C-alpha cells in the first residue's frame, strides 16, 4: 500500500516535524526533506555518508509510511533507539510499511536480554502486529522479566497487557506467574480474564 501524500494532519508526522525541527541544524535541508515527493531523494538520504540522524529519520519515516521497503533497516534501528520518541515514530512507520520481516525483527529486539531497556516499543509493536511471532516473543520476554529485582517492569507490564490483548491461551502459565508481582498483578488478572475459557 502506498500513501502518496503524508500530510501534516497526520498526528505522528506532526509530532516528528515538531521534534526534529528542534533538532535539525539545517532548516533548508529539513524543509526540503519534509516537502519532497521524490522517493529516490529520500532513499539516497538513507545511504549517503555523514547524513545526520534527524535526516535519516525523516527519510525512513516518510518512505516507510509510503510502503517503500528500502526504509526497513533504518526503521528497525530506530525502533530500538535509546530515545523513546524515535521508537514511537519508527513503530508507526513499520506498521504502515507492512514488510513481512517486521514481526521477526521486533521479536528479536523484544527478546534480546542486552537491550531490554529499549524493548518497550518492540513489545507494543508485536502486540499491534498480531503476528505468529507475537505471543512466543511476549511470553519469553515476560518470563525473563519476572525474576526478583528486575528493573524493567514497564516492559514486563507491556508484555502482560499485550498478551491480554492477543488473548492466546499459551500465555496462561506466564500470566499466572505474574499474579504475585506487585506492579503486574492487576494487569495479569485482567489479561487472564481475556483468555479463552476451558
Foldseek 3Di string as FASTA:
>chain_A
DFDQDDDCVPPLVVVLCVVVVVVDPDVVLSVCLNPDSDLVVLLVLCPDPPRDPSSVLSSLLNCLLRLNCSSVVVLLVQCLDPDVSSVVSSLVSPVNNPDPCLLVSLLCQLLPPVRVSRNQSSLLSLLVVLDPSNLVSLLNNLQVQLDPPRPSVNSNQSSLQSLLSSQECVNVVSLVSCLVPPVRNVSSVNSVVSHDDD
